Amino acid sequence: MKIFELKKLGLSAPDKVILEDISLSIEKGSHLTITGPSGSGKSSLLKVLSSLVSHNSGTLLYQGQDVQHLDPVAYRRQVSYCFQQPVLFGQTVRDNLTFPFEIRSLPFDMEKVSSALNRLNLSSEFLDKPIKELSGGEKQRVALVRNLLFEPEVLLLDEVTSGLDEKTKSLLRSFLQDLHQKGMTLIEVTHDQMELEQAKQLVNIVEGRLVYG
């Protein structure tokens, strides 16, 4: 089953073409890796897939439906975007991890949160740690936990291991592999050589176009 179908998709700004004639089918449960030179449009493609940015031409289908006709809030709960530089808010880790419950009008579930933190080697005591005291790797893990407390259908990963130490990279890779084995669709942008070597499906974007071979 195709989870995404891109048909001649294009994205442009007033002064430049960002993506051009992108046609691609992505199967449900797959792990697609996207690479290419800096500034070639990789992150822009993820933002289009996440509906953070609207494409100017062509068609984007999600499970057979045109994304432009779907409720954006419901859609973003199914297609979750993880930024290269994690965006955390409030004062503490707890502020970030209560948010997914609040927007669903659900009570905070401490057991669910503790379990999610433990999966990424963070203890429940970590909840009250100030955001400003977190390392880059800790911020990235908190952002992932926030995105995955209510697991989406698709996880979009924009160079989430960039700049992390090898131990944290290995932890995140293992965690993401577990999610994929459970059936989650992963679409990942990376320049990391090990991740590229391990990629099951790899596409290149150069100057806004898909390049094969």
N, C-alpha and C. Protein backbone atom coordinates (compact mmCIF):
# COMPACT_ATOMS: atom_id res chain seq x y z
N MET A 1 0.85 -1.20 0.00
CA MET A 1 0.00 0.00 0.00
C MET A 1 0.88 1.25 0.00
N LYS A 2 0.56 2.19 -0.86
CA LYS A 2 1.32 3.44 -0.93
C LYS A 2 0.82 4.40 0.15
N ILE A 3 1.74 4.90 0.96
CA ILE A 3 1.34 5.89 1.97
C ILE A 3 1.44 7.30 1.40
N PHE A 4 2.42 7.51 0.51
CA PHE A 4 2.55 8.79 -0.19
C PHE A 4 2.70 8.55 -1.68
N GLU A 5 2.07 9.41 -2.46
CA GLU A 5 2.33 9.47 -3.90
C GLU A 5 2.56 10.93 -4.27
N LEU A 6 3.71 11.21 -4.85
CA LEU A 6 4.05 12.55 -5.31
C LEU A 6 4.03 12.51 -6.84
N LYS A 7 3.25 13.39 -7.43
CA LYS A 7 3.10 13.41 -8.88
C LYS A 7 3.48 14.79 -9.41
N LYS A 8 4.67 14.85 -10.05
CA LYS A 8 5.17 16.09 -10.64
C LYS A 8 5.09 17.27 -9.67
N LEU A 9 5.45 17.00 -8.42
CA LEU A 9 5.34 18.00 -7.37
C LEU A 9 6.40 19.08 -7.53
N GLY A 10 5.98 20.32 -7.35
CA GLY A 10 6.89 21.44 -7.46
C GLY A 10 6.70 22.45 -6.34
N LEU A 11 7.78 23.12 -5.98
CA LEU A 11 7.75 24.17 -4.96
C LEU A 11 8.67 25.28 -5.41
N SER A 12 8.15 26.49 -5.41
CA SER A 12 8.98 27.62 -5.84
C SER A 12 8.73 28.84 -4.97
N ALA A 13 9.75 29.68 -4.87
CA ALA A 13 9.67 30.98 -4.23
C ALA A 13 9.69 32.02 -5.35
N PRO A 14 9.41 33.28 -5.04
CA PRO A 14 9.40 34.29 -6.10
C PRO A 14 10.69 34.36 -6.91
N ASP A 15 11.81 34.06 -6.28
CA ASP A 15 13.09 34.24 -6.96
C ASP A 15 13.81 32.94 -7.31
N LYS A 16 13.20 31.77 -6.99
CA LYS A 16 13.90 30.52 -7.31
C LYS A 16 12.97 29.32 -7.29
N VAL A 17 13.38 28.28 -8.02
CA VAL A 17 12.69 26.99 -7.98
C VAL A 17 13.36 26.13 -6.91
N ILE A 18 12.57 25.62 -5.97
CA ILE A 18 13.11 24.85 -4.84
C ILE A 18 13.00 23.35 -5.12
N LEU A 19 11.85 22.91 -5.59
CA LEU A 19 11.62 21.52 -5.99
C LEU A 19 10.94 21.53 -7.35
N GLU A 20 11.32 20.59 -8.22
CA GLU A 20 10.77 20.59 -9.57
C GLU A 20 10.50 19.16 -10.05
N ASP A 21 9.26 18.92 -10.44
CA ASP A 21 8.89 17.67 -11.11
C ASP A 21 9.26 16.43 -10.29
N ILE A 22 8.93 16.46 -8.98
CA ILE A 22 9.22 15.33 -8.10
C ILE A 22 8.09 14.31 -8.19
N SER A 23 8.39 13.14 -8.72
CA SER A 23 7.42 12.04 -8.78
C SER A 23 8.00 10.85 -8.02
N LEU A 24 7.27 10.38 -7.02
CA LEU A 24 7.81 9.37 -6.12
C LEU A 24 6.67 8.66 -5.40
N SER A 25 6.77 7.35 -5.28
CA SER A 25 5.81 6.58 -4.49
C SER A 25 6.53 6.01 -3.27
N ILE A 26 5.91 6.13 -2.11
CA ILE A 26 6.50 5.65 -0.85
C ILE A 26 5.53 4.66 -0.22
N GLU A 27 6.00 3.45 -0.02
CA GLU A 27 5.16 2.40 0.53
C GLU A 27 4.98 2.54 2.04
N LYS A 28 3.81 2.18 2.52
CA LYS A 28 3.55 2.16 3.95
C LYS A 28 4.51 1.19 4.64
N GLY A 29 5.12 1.61 5.74
CA GLY A 29 6.05 0.77 6.48
C GLY A 29 7.46 0.76 5.95
N SER A 30 7.74 1.58 4.94
CA SER A 30 9.09 1.62 4.37
C SER A 30 9.98 2.58 5.15
N HIS A 31 11.28 2.52 4.86
CA HIS A 31 12.26 3.44 5.44
C HIS A 31 13.03 4.05 4.27
N LEU A 32 12.64 5.26 3.92
CA LEU A 32 13.24 5.95 2.78
C LEU A 32 14.28 6.94 3.28
N THR A 33 15.48 6.88 2.70
CA THR A 33 16.55 7.81 3.04
C THR A 33 16.76 8.76 1.87
N ILE A 34 16.85 10.06 2.19
CA ILE A 34 17.02 11.10 1.18
C ILE A 34 18.35 11.78 1.42
N THR A 35 19.15 11.91 0.39
CA THR A 35 20.43 12.60 0.51
C THR A 35 20.61 13.54 -0.68
N GLY A 36 21.73 14.26 -0.68
CA GLY A 36 22.01 15.21 -1.73
C GLY A 36 22.77 16.40 -1.18
N PRO A 37 23.28 17.27 -2.04
CA PRO A 37 24.06 18.43 -1.58
C PRO A 37 23.24 19.36 -0.69
N SER A 38 23.92 20.13 0.14
CA SER A 38 23.24 21.14 0.96
C SER A 38 22.54 22.13 0.04
N GLY A 39 21.33 22.53 0.44
CA GLY A 39 20.58 23.50 -0.34
C GLY A 39 19.89 22.94 -1.56
N SER A 40 19.83 21.60 -1.66
CA SER A 40 19.25 21.00 -2.87
C SER A 40 17.74 20.80 -2.79
N GLY A 41 17.15 21.01 -1.61
CA GLY A 41 15.70 20.89 -1.47
C GLY A 41 15.22 19.75 -0.59
N LYS A 42 16.15 19.05 0.07
CA LYS A 42 15.78 17.87 0.88
C LYS A 42 14.84 18.26 2.04
N SER A 43 15.25 19.26 2.81
CA SER A 43 14.42 19.68 3.94
C SER A 43 13.10 20.26 3.46
N SER A 44 13.14 20.95 2.33
CA SER A 44 11.90 21.51 1.76
C SER A 44 10.91 20.41 1.41
N LEU A 45 11.44 19.28 0.91
CA LEU A 45 10.56 18.16 0.58
C LEU A 45 9.90 17.61 1.85
N LEU A 46 10.65 17.48 2.93
CA LEU A 46 10.06 17.01 4.18
C LEU A 46 8.99 17.98 4.67
N LYS A 47 9.23 19.27 4.52
CA LYS A 47 8.25 20.27 4.97
C LYS A 47 6.98 20.22 4.13
N VAL A 48 7.12 19.92 2.85
CA VAL A 48 5.93 19.72 2.01
C VAL A 48 5.18 18.48 2.47
N LEU A 49 5.90 17.38 2.71
CA LEU A 49 5.25 16.14 3.17
C LEU A 49 4.54 16.33 4.50
N SER A 50 5.07 17.20 5.35
CA SER A 50 4.48 17.42 6.67
C SER A 50 3.37 18.47 6.65
N SER A 51 3.16 19.11 5.51
CA SER A 51 2.20 20.20 5.29
C SER A 51 2.58 21.47 6.02
N LEU A 52 3.84 21.59 6.41
CA LEU A 52 4.33 22.86 6.97
C LEU A 52 4.50 23.89 5.86
N VAL A 53 4.71 23.39 4.63
CA VAL A 53 4.83 24.24 3.44
C VAL A 53 3.92 23.63 2.37
N SER A 54 3.23 24.48 1.62
CA SER A 54 2.35 24.00 0.56
C SER A 54 3.06 24.02 -0.79
N HIS A 55 2.95 22.93 -1.52
CA HIS A 55 3.56 22.89 -2.85
C HIS A 55 2.79 23.78 -3.82
N ASN A 56 3.49 24.25 -4.86
CA ASN A 56 2.89 25.16 -5.82
C ASN A 56 2.29 24.44 -7.03
N SER A 57 2.80 23.24 -7.32
CA SER A 57 2.32 22.52 -8.51
C SER A 57 2.39 21.03 -8.25
N GLY A 58 1.67 20.28 -9.09
CA GLY A 58 1.65 18.83 -8.93
C GLY A 58 0.70 18.40 -7.82
N THR A 59 0.82 17.13 -7.43
CA THR A 59 -0.11 16.53 -6.48
C THR A 59 0.64 15.75 -5.41
N LEU A 60 0.14 15.86 -4.18
CA LEU A 60 0.66 15.06 -3.07
C LEU A 60 -0.51 14.29 -2.46
N LEU A 61 -0.46 12.96 -2.58
CA LEU A 61 -1.49 12.11 -2.00
C LEU A 61 -0.97 11.41 -0.77
N TYR A 62 -1.82 11.37 0.28
CA TYR A 62 -1.51 10.62 1.50
C TYR A 62 -2.59 9.55 1.65
N GLN A 63 -2.19 8.30 1.57
CA GLN A 63 -3.11 7.18 1.61
C GLN A 63 -4.26 7.39 0.61
N GLY A 64 -3.89 7.87 -0.58
CA GLY A 64 -4.84 8.02 -1.67
C GLY A 64 -5.64 9.31 -1.66
N GLN A 65 -5.44 10.16 -0.66
CA GLN A 65 -6.20 11.40 -0.57
C GLN A 65 -5.27 12.61 -0.75
N ASP A 66 -5.78 13.63 -1.44
CA ASP A 66 -5.02 14.84 -1.67
C ASP A 66 -4.81 15.56 -0.33
N VAL A 67 -3.55 15.79 0.02
CA VAL A 67 -3.21 16.40 1.31
C VAL A 67 -3.87 17.77 1.46
N GLN A 68 -4.02 18.48 0.37
CA GLN A 68 -4.60 19.83 0.45
C GLN A 68 -6.07 19.81 0.85
N HIS A 69 -6.71 18.63 0.80
CA HIS A 69 -8.12 18.51 1.18
C HIS A 69 -8.29 17.90 2.57
N LEU A 70 -7.19 17.61 3.25
CA LEU A 70 -7.25 16.99 4.58
C LEU A 70 -7.16 18.04 5.67
N ASP A 71 -7.75 17.72 6.83
CA ASP A 71 -7.64 18.60 7.98
C ASP A 71 -6.18 18.65 8.44
N PRO A 72 -5.54 19.84 8.44
CA PRO A 72 -4.11 19.89 8.74
C PRO A 72 -3.74 19.44 10.15
N VAL A 73 -4.60 19.68 11.13
CA VAL A 73 -4.29 19.26 12.50
C VAL A 73 -4.29 17.74 12.61
N ALA A 74 -5.33 17.12 12.08
CA ALA A 74 -5.41 15.66 12.10
C ALA A 74 -4.27 15.05 11.30
N TYR A 75 -3.94 15.67 10.18
CA TYR A 75 -2.87 15.16 9.32
C TYR A 75 -1.53 15.19 10.05
N ARG A 76 -1.24 16.28 10.72
CA ARG A 76 0.07 16.41 11.39
C ARG A 76 0.20 15.49 12.59
N ARG A 77 -0.91 14.98 13.08
CA ARG A 77 -0.83 13.96 14.13
C ARG A 77 -0.43 12.61 13.54
N GLN A 78 -0.71 12.43 12.25
CA GLN A 78 -0.35 11.18 11.59
C GLN A 78 1.02 11.26 10.92
N VAL A 79 1.41 12.47 10.52
CA VAL A 79 2.69 12.68 9.84
C VAL A 79 3.48 13.69 10.65
N SER A 80 4.45 13.20 11.40
CA SER A 80 5.15 14.01 12.39
C SER A 80 6.56 14.37 11.92
N TYR A 81 6.90 15.65 12.06
CA TYR A 81 8.18 16.19 11.55
C TYR A 81 9.13 16.43 12.71
N CYS A 82 10.36 15.89 12.60
CA CYS A 82 11.42 16.13 13.59
C CYS A 82 12.50 17.02 12.96
N PHE A 83 12.68 18.19 13.53
CA PHE A 83 13.64 19.16 12.99
C PHE A 83 15.08 18.77 13.30
N GLN A 84 15.99 19.25 12.45
CA GLN A 84 17.42 19.04 12.69
C GLN A 84 17.83 19.67 14.02
N GLN A 85 17.39 20.90 14.24
CA GLN A 85 17.62 21.58 15.52
C GLN A 85 16.32 21.51 16.30
N PRO A 86 16.24 20.66 17.33
CA PRO A 86 14.98 20.47 18.04
C PRO A 86 14.46 21.76 18.65
N VAL A 87 13.16 21.98 18.49
CA VAL A 87 12.52 23.18 19.01
C VAL A 87 11.78 22.80 20.29
N LEU A 88 12.32 23.22 21.43
CA LEU A 88 11.68 22.98 22.71
C LEU A 88 11.16 24.31 23.25
N PHE A 89 10.13 24.24 24.10
CA PHE A 89 9.53 25.47 24.61
C PHE A 89 9.32 25.35 26.12
N GLY A 90 8.85 26.44 26.73
CA GLY A 90 8.62 26.43 28.16
C GLY A 90 9.94 26.44 28.94
N GLN A 91 9.86 26.02 30.20
CA GLN A 91 11.02 26.06 31.09
C GLN A 91 11.67 24.70 31.30
N THR A 92 10.86 23.65 31.29
CA THR A 92 11.37 22.32 31.65
C THR A 92 10.98 21.28 30.61
N VAL A 93 11.57 20.09 30.76
CA VAL A 93 11.20 18.95 29.92
C VAL A 93 9.71 18.64 30.08
N ARG A 94 9.22 18.73 31.30
CA ARG A 94 7.80 18.44 31.57
C ARG A 94 6.88 19.33 30.73
N ASP A 95 7.24 20.60 30.58
CA ASP A 95 6.41 21.51 29.78
C ASP A 95 6.20 20.97 28.36
N ASN A 96 7.25 20.34 27.81
CA ASN A 96 7.17 19.82 26.45
C ASN A 96 6.39 18.52 26.38
N LEU A 97 6.48 17.71 27.42
CA LEU A 97 5.85 16.39 27.37
C LEU A 97 4.41 16.39 27.87
N THR A 98 3.96 17.48 28.49
CA THR A 98 2.53 17.61 28.81
C THR A 98 1.75 18.09 27.59
N PHE A 99 2.44 18.77 26.66
CA PHE A 99 1.77 19.39 25.51
C PHE A 99 0.98 18.40 24.65
N PRO A 100 1.54 17.22 24.29
CA PRO A 100 0.75 16.29 23.45
C PRO A 100 -0.56 15.85 24.11
N PHE A 101 -0.58 15.79 25.44
CA PHE A 101 -1.81 15.42 26.14
C PHE A 101 -2.80 16.60 26.14
N GLU A 102 -2.27 17.82 26.35
CA GLU A 102 -3.13 19.00 26.42
C GLU A 102 -3.87 19.23 25.11
N ILE A 103 -3.18 19.08 23.97
CA ILE A 103 -3.84 19.37 22.69
C ILE A 103 -4.88 18.31 22.35
N ARG A 104 -4.83 17.17 23.02
CA ARG A 104 -5.83 16.12 22.82
C ARG A 104 -6.85 16.10 23.95
N SER A 105 -6.75 17.08 24.85
CA SER A 105 -7.66 17.18 26.01
C SER A 105 -7.66 15.90 26.84
N LEU A 106 -6.45 15.35 27.04
CA LEU A 106 -6.27 14.13 27.82
C LEU A 106 -5.47 14.42 29.08
N PRO A 107 -5.71 13.66 30.16
CA PRO A 107 -4.90 13.85 31.37
C PRO A 107 -3.47 13.36 31.15
N PHE A 108 -2.53 14.01 31.80
CA PHE A 108 -1.12 13.62 31.70
C PHE A 108 -0.95 12.20 32.23
N ASP A 109 -0.28 11.36 31.45
CA ASP A 109 -0.09 9.94 31.79
C ASP A 109 1.37 9.71 32.14
N MET A 110 1.66 9.72 33.44
CA MET A 110 3.04 9.62 33.90
C MET A 110 3.67 8.29 33.49
N GLU A 111 2.89 7.22 33.53
CA GLU A 111 3.43 5.91 33.17
C GLU A 111 3.85 5.88 31.70
N LYS A 112 3.02 6.45 30.84
CA LYS A 112 3.30 6.50 29.41
C LYS A 112 4.56 7.34 29.14
N VAL A 113 4.67 8.48 29.83
CA VAL A 113 5.82 9.37 29.64
C VAL A 113 7.11 8.73 30.16
N SER A 114 7.04 8.11 31.33
CA SER A 114 8.23 7.45 31.89
C SER A 114 8.72 6.34 30.98
N SER A 115 7.79 5.57 30.44
CA SER A 115 8.16 4.49 29.53
C SER A 115 8.83 5.04 28.28
N ALA A 116 8.30 6.15 27.73
CA ALA A 116 8.87 6.75 26.53
C ALA A 116 10.28 7.30 26.81
N LEU A 117 10.45 7.94 27.96
CA LEU A 117 11.77 8.46 28.32
C LEU A 117 12.78 7.32 28.49
N ASN A 118 12.34 6.25 29.13
CA ASN A 118 13.24 5.12 29.37
C ASN A 118 13.72 4.49 28.07
N ARG A 119 12.87 4.51 27.04
CA ARG A 119 13.27 3.93 25.74
C ARG A 119 14.46 4.68 25.15
N LEU A 120 14.66 5.92 25.57
CA LEU A 120 15.79 6.70 25.08
C LEU A 120 16.79 7.02 26.20
N ASN A 121 16.84 6.10 27.17
CA ASN A 121 17.80 6.20 28.27
C ASN A 121 17.71 7.50 29.07
N LEU A 122 16.48 7.94 29.30
CA LEU A 122 16.24 9.11 30.14
C LEU A 122 15.30 8.68 31.27
N SER A 123 15.60 9.11 32.48
CA SER A 123 14.78 8.71 33.63
C SER A 123 13.61 9.67 33.80
N SER A 124 12.63 9.27 34.61
CA SER A 124 11.47 10.12 34.85
C SER A 124 11.86 11.38 35.63
N GLU A 125 12.97 11.31 36.40
CA GLU A 125 13.45 12.51 37.12
C GLU A 125 13.85 13.61 36.15
N PHE A 126 14.11 13.22 34.92
CA PHE A 126 14.54 14.15 33.88
C PHE A 126 13.44 15.17 33.56
N LEU A 127 12.20 14.85 33.92
CA LEU A 127 11.06 15.71 33.59
C LEU A 127 11.22 17.14 34.11
N ASP A 128 11.82 17.29 35.26
CA ASP A 128 11.92 18.62 35.85
C ASP A 128 13.24 19.32 35.56
N LYS A 129 14.00 18.78 34.61
CA LYS A 129 15.26 19.42 34.23
C LYS A 129 14.97 20.64 33.35
N PRO A 130 15.62 21.79 33.65
CA PRO A 130 15.42 22.99 32.82
C PRO A 130 15.92 22.77 31.40
N ILE A 131 15.18 23.28 30.43
CA ILE A 131 15.55 23.16 29.02
C ILE A 131 16.95 23.71 28.77
N LYS A 132 17.27 24.82 29.41
CA LYS A 132 18.55 25.49 29.15
C LYS A 132 19.75 24.66 29.61
N GLU A 133 19.52 23.63 30.42
CA GLU A 133 20.61 22.79 30.91
C GLU A 133 20.80 21.52 30.07
N LEU A 134 19.99 21.33 29.05
CA LEU A 134 20.07 20.11 28.25
C LEU A 134 21.19 20.20 27.22
N SER A 135 21.84 19.07 26.99
CA SER A 135 22.81 18.98 25.89
C SER A 135 22.05 18.87 24.57
N GLY A 136 22.77 18.96 23.45
CA GLY A 136 22.13 18.82 22.14
C GLY A 136 21.47 17.47 21.98
N GLY A 137 22.16 16.41 22.43
CA GLY A 137 21.61 15.07 22.32
C GLY A 137 20.37 14.87 23.19
N GLU A 138 20.38 15.49 24.38
CA GLU A 138 19.21 15.39 25.26
C GLU A 138 18.02 16.14 24.66
N LYS A 139 18.28 17.30 24.07
CA LYS A 139 17.19 18.05 23.42
C LYS A 139 16.57 17.23 22.29
N GLN A 140 17.43 16.58 21.51
CA GLN A 140 16.92 15.79 20.38
C GLN A 140 16.07 14.63 20.88
N ARG A 141 16.49 14.00 21.97
CA ARG A 141 15.73 12.87 22.51
C ARG A 141 14.40 13.33 23.09
N VAL A 142 14.40 14.48 23.78
CA VAL A 142 13.14 15.01 24.32
C VAL A 142 12.18 15.34 23.18
N ALA A 143 12.69 15.94 22.11
CA ALA A 143 11.84 16.26 20.96
C ALA A 143 11.25 15.00 20.35
N LEU A 144 12.05 13.94 20.25
CA LEU A 144 11.54 12.67 19.71
C LEU A 144 10.47 12.07 20.61
N VAL A 145 10.70 12.10 21.92
CA VAL A 145 9.70 11.58 22.85
C VAL A 145 8.39 12.36 22.70
N ARG A 146 8.50 13.68 22.60
CA ARG A 146 7.30 14.52 22.44
C ARG A 146 6.53 14.13 21.17
N ASN A 147 7.25 13.88 20.08
CA ASN A 147 6.61 13.51 18.81
C ASN A 147 6.00 12.12 18.85
N LEU A 148 6.52 11.26 19.74
CA LEU A 148 6.15 9.85 19.68
C LEU A 148 5.31 9.36 20.86
N LEU A 149 4.92 10.26 21.77
CA LEU A 149 4.05 9.83 22.87
C LEU A 149 2.75 9.26 22.31
N PHE A 150 2.27 9.85 21.22
CA PHE A 150 1.13 9.31 20.48
C PHE A 150 1.68 9.00 19.09
N GLU A 151 1.97 7.73 18.84
CA GLU A 151 2.79 7.38 17.68
C GLU A 151 2.08 7.71 16.36
N PRO A 152 2.77 8.42 15.48
CA PRO A 152 2.21 8.76 14.17
C PRO A 152 2.33 7.59 13.20
N GLU A 153 1.72 7.74 12.06
CA GLU A 153 1.89 6.77 10.97
C GLU A 153 3.24 6.94 10.30
N VAL A 154 3.66 8.22 10.18
CA VAL A 154 4.89 8.56 9.47
C VAL A 154 5.74 9.47 10.33
N LEU A 155 7.04 9.19 10.38
CA LEU A 155 7.99 10.05 11.08
C LEU A 155 8.97 10.61 10.05
N LEU A 156 8.99 11.95 9.94
CA LEU A 156 9.89 12.64 9.03
C LEU A 156 11.08 13.14 9.83
N LEU A 157 12.27 12.75 9.43
CA LEU A 157 13.48 13.00 10.23
C LEU A 157 14.46 13.85 9.41
N ASP A 158 14.68 15.08 9.87
CA ASP A 158 15.53 16.01 9.13
C ASP A 158 16.91 16.08 9.79
N GLU A 159 17.80 15.17 9.40
CA GLU A 159 19.17 15.13 9.92
C GLU A 159 19.21 15.16 11.45
N VAL A 160 18.40 14.31 12.07
CA VAL A 160 18.26 14.36 13.53
C VAL A 160 19.50 13.88 14.27
N THR A 161 20.43 13.17 13.59
CA THR A 161 21.65 12.73 14.27
C THR A 161 22.83 13.67 14.00
N SER A 162 22.61 14.71 13.21
CA SER A 162 23.69 15.64 12.87
C SER A 162 24.22 16.33 14.12
N GLY A 163 25.53 16.30 14.28
CA GLY A 163 26.16 16.99 15.40
C GLY A 163 26.14 16.25 16.72
N LEU A 164 25.58 15.04 16.74
CA LEU A 164 25.52 14.27 17.98
C LEU A 164 26.76 13.38 18.10
N ASP A 165 27.12 13.04 19.34
CA ASP A 165 28.24 12.12 19.54
C ASP A 165 27.83 10.72 19.12
N GLU A 166 28.82 9.86 18.90
CA GLU A 166 28.55 8.52 18.35
C GLU A 166 27.65 7.68 19.26
N LYS A 167 27.80 7.83 20.56
CA LYS A 167 26.97 7.05 21.49
C LYS A 167 25.50 7.43 21.33
N THR A 168 25.23 8.74 21.27
CA THR A 168 23.84 9.19 21.13
C THR A 168 23.29 8.83 19.75
N LYS A 169 24.13 8.95 18.71
CA LYS A 169 23.72 8.54 17.37
C LYS A 169 23.29 7.08 17.35
N SER A 170 24.11 6.23 17.96
CA SER A 170 23.81 4.80 17.99
C SER A 170 22.50 4.52 18.71
N LEU A 171 22.28 5.23 19.82
CA LEU A 171 21.04 5.07 20.59
C LEU A 171 19.83 5.46 19.75
N LEU A 172 19.93 6.60 19.06
CA LEU A 172 18.81 7.05 18.24
C LEU A 172 18.56 6.11 17.07
N ARG A 173 19.64 5.64 16.43
CA ARG A 173 19.48 4.71 15.30
C ARG A 173 18.75 3.44 15.74
N SER A 174 19.15 2.90 16.89
CA SER A 174 18.53 1.69 17.41
C SER A 174 17.05 1.93 17.71
N PHE A 175 16.76 3.07 18.31
CA PHE A 175 15.39 3.43 18.66
C PHE A 175 14.52 3.55 17.40
N LEU A 176 15.05 4.22 16.39
CA LEU A 176 14.31 4.40 15.13
C LEU A 176 14.11 3.07 14.40
N GLN A 177 15.12 2.21 14.47
CA GLN A 177 14.99 0.89 13.85
C GLN A 177 13.88 0.08 14.51
N ASP A 178 13.75 0.19 15.83
CA ASP A 178 12.66 -0.50 16.53
C ASP A 178 11.30 0.00 16.06
N LEU A 179 11.19 1.33 15.89
CA LEU A 179 9.93 1.90 15.41
C LEU A 179 9.60 1.37 14.01
N HIS A 180 10.61 1.31 13.17
CA HIS A 180 10.39 0.83 11.80
C HIS A 180 9.96 -0.63 11.79
N GLN A 181 10.59 -1.43 12.63
CA GLN A 181 10.23 -2.86 12.69
C GLN A 181 8.80 -3.07 13.18
N LYS A 182 8.28 -2.11 13.92
CA LYS A 182 6.89 -2.18 14.39
C LYS A 182 5.91 -1.69 13.32
N GLY A 183 6.44 -1.21 12.19
CA GLY A 183 5.56 -0.82 11.09
C GLY A 183 5.47 0.65 10.79
N MET A 184 6.18 1.50 11.55
CA MET A 184 6.12 2.93 11.28
C MET A 184 6.90 3.26 10.01
N THR A 185 6.35 4.15 9.20
CA THR A 185 7.04 4.62 8.00
C THR A 185 8.02 5.72 8.39
N LEU A 186 9.29 5.56 8.00
CA LEU A 186 10.32 6.56 8.28
C LEU A 186 10.81 7.17 6.97
N ILE A 187 10.88 8.48 6.93
CA ILE A 187 11.44 9.20 5.79
C ILE A 187 12.50 10.14 6.35
N GLU A 188 13.75 9.88 5.97
CA GLU A 188 14.88 10.48 6.67
C GLU A 188 15.82 11.19 5.71
N VAL A 189 16.17 12.43 6.06
CA VAL A 189 17.21 13.16 5.36
C VAL A 189 18.51 13.03 6.16
N THR A 190 19.59 12.66 5.49
CA THR A 190 20.87 12.53 6.19
C THR A 190 22.04 12.70 5.24
N HIS A 191 23.17 13.13 5.84
CA HIS A 191 24.47 13.13 5.14
C HIS A 191 25.41 12.12 5.80
N ASP A 192 24.95 11.49 6.88
CA ASP A 192 25.80 10.60 7.67
C ASP A 192 26.18 9.37 6.84
N GLN A 193 27.48 9.12 6.73
CA GLN A 193 27.95 8.06 5.85
C GLN A 193 27.46 6.68 6.29
N MET A 194 27.46 6.40 7.58
CA MET A 194 27.00 5.10 8.07
C MET A 194 25.51 4.91 7.76
N GLU A 195 24.72 5.95 7.96
CA GLU A 195 23.29 5.86 7.69
C GLU A 195 23.04 5.65 6.19
N LEU A 196 23.86 6.29 5.35
CA LEU A 196 23.71 6.11 3.90
C LEU A 196 24.07 4.68 3.49
N GLU A 197 25.12 4.14 4.11
CA GLU A 197 25.54 2.77 3.78
C GLU A 197 24.49 1.74 4.21
N GLN A 198 23.76 2.04 5.28
CA GLN A 198 22.76 1.11 5.80
C GLN A 198 21.38 1.32 5.19
N ALA A 199 21.22 2.35 4.36
CA ALA A 199 19.90 2.70 3.81
C ALA A 199 19.33 1.56 2.97
N LYS A 200 18.07 1.24 3.21
CA LYS A 200 17.37 0.21 2.43
C LYS A 200 16.85 0.79 1.11
N GLN A 201 16.38 2.03 1.16
CA GLN A 201 15.91 2.73 -0.04
C GLN A 201 16.54 4.12 0.00
N LEU A 202 17.19 4.49 -1.08
CA LEU A 202 17.93 5.76 -1.10
C LEU A 202 17.56 6.55 -2.34
N VAL A 203 17.23 7.82 -2.15
CA VAL A 203 17.02 8.73 -3.29
C VAL A 203 17.89 9.96 -3.10
N ASN A 204 18.30 10.54 -4.23
CA ASN A 204 19.13 11.74 -4.22
C ASN A 204 18.34 12.91 -4.79
N ILE A 205 18.48 14.05 -4.13
CA ILE A 205 17.91 15.28 -4.67
C ILE A 205 19.05 16.25 -4.96
N VAL A 206 19.13 16.69 -6.20
CA VAL A 206 20.16 17.63 -6.63
C VAL A 206 19.47 18.79 -7.34
N GLU A 207 19.71 19.98 -6.84
CA GLU A 207 19.11 21.20 -7.43
C GLU A 207 17.61 21.06 -7.61
N GLY A 208 16.96 20.48 -6.59
CA GLY A 208 15.50 20.40 -6.57
C GLY A 208 14.88 19.27 -7.36
N ARG A 209 15.72 18.40 -7.93
CA ARG A 209 15.22 17.29 -8.75
C ARG A 209 15.71 15.96 -8.22
N LEU A 210 14.89 14.93 -8.40
CA LEU A 210 15.33 13.57 -8.08
C LEU A 210 16.36 13.12 -9.11
N VAL A 211 17.45 12.54 -8.61
CA VAL A 211 18.51 12.05 -9.48
C VAL A 211 18.73 10.58 -9.15
N TYR A 212 18.71 9.73 -10.16
CA TYR A 212 18.89 8.30 -9.95
C TYR A 212 20.26 7.86 -10.48
N GLY A 213 20.87 6.89 -9.76
CA GLY A 213 22.14 6.34 -10.20
C GLY A 213 23.32 7.20 -9.82
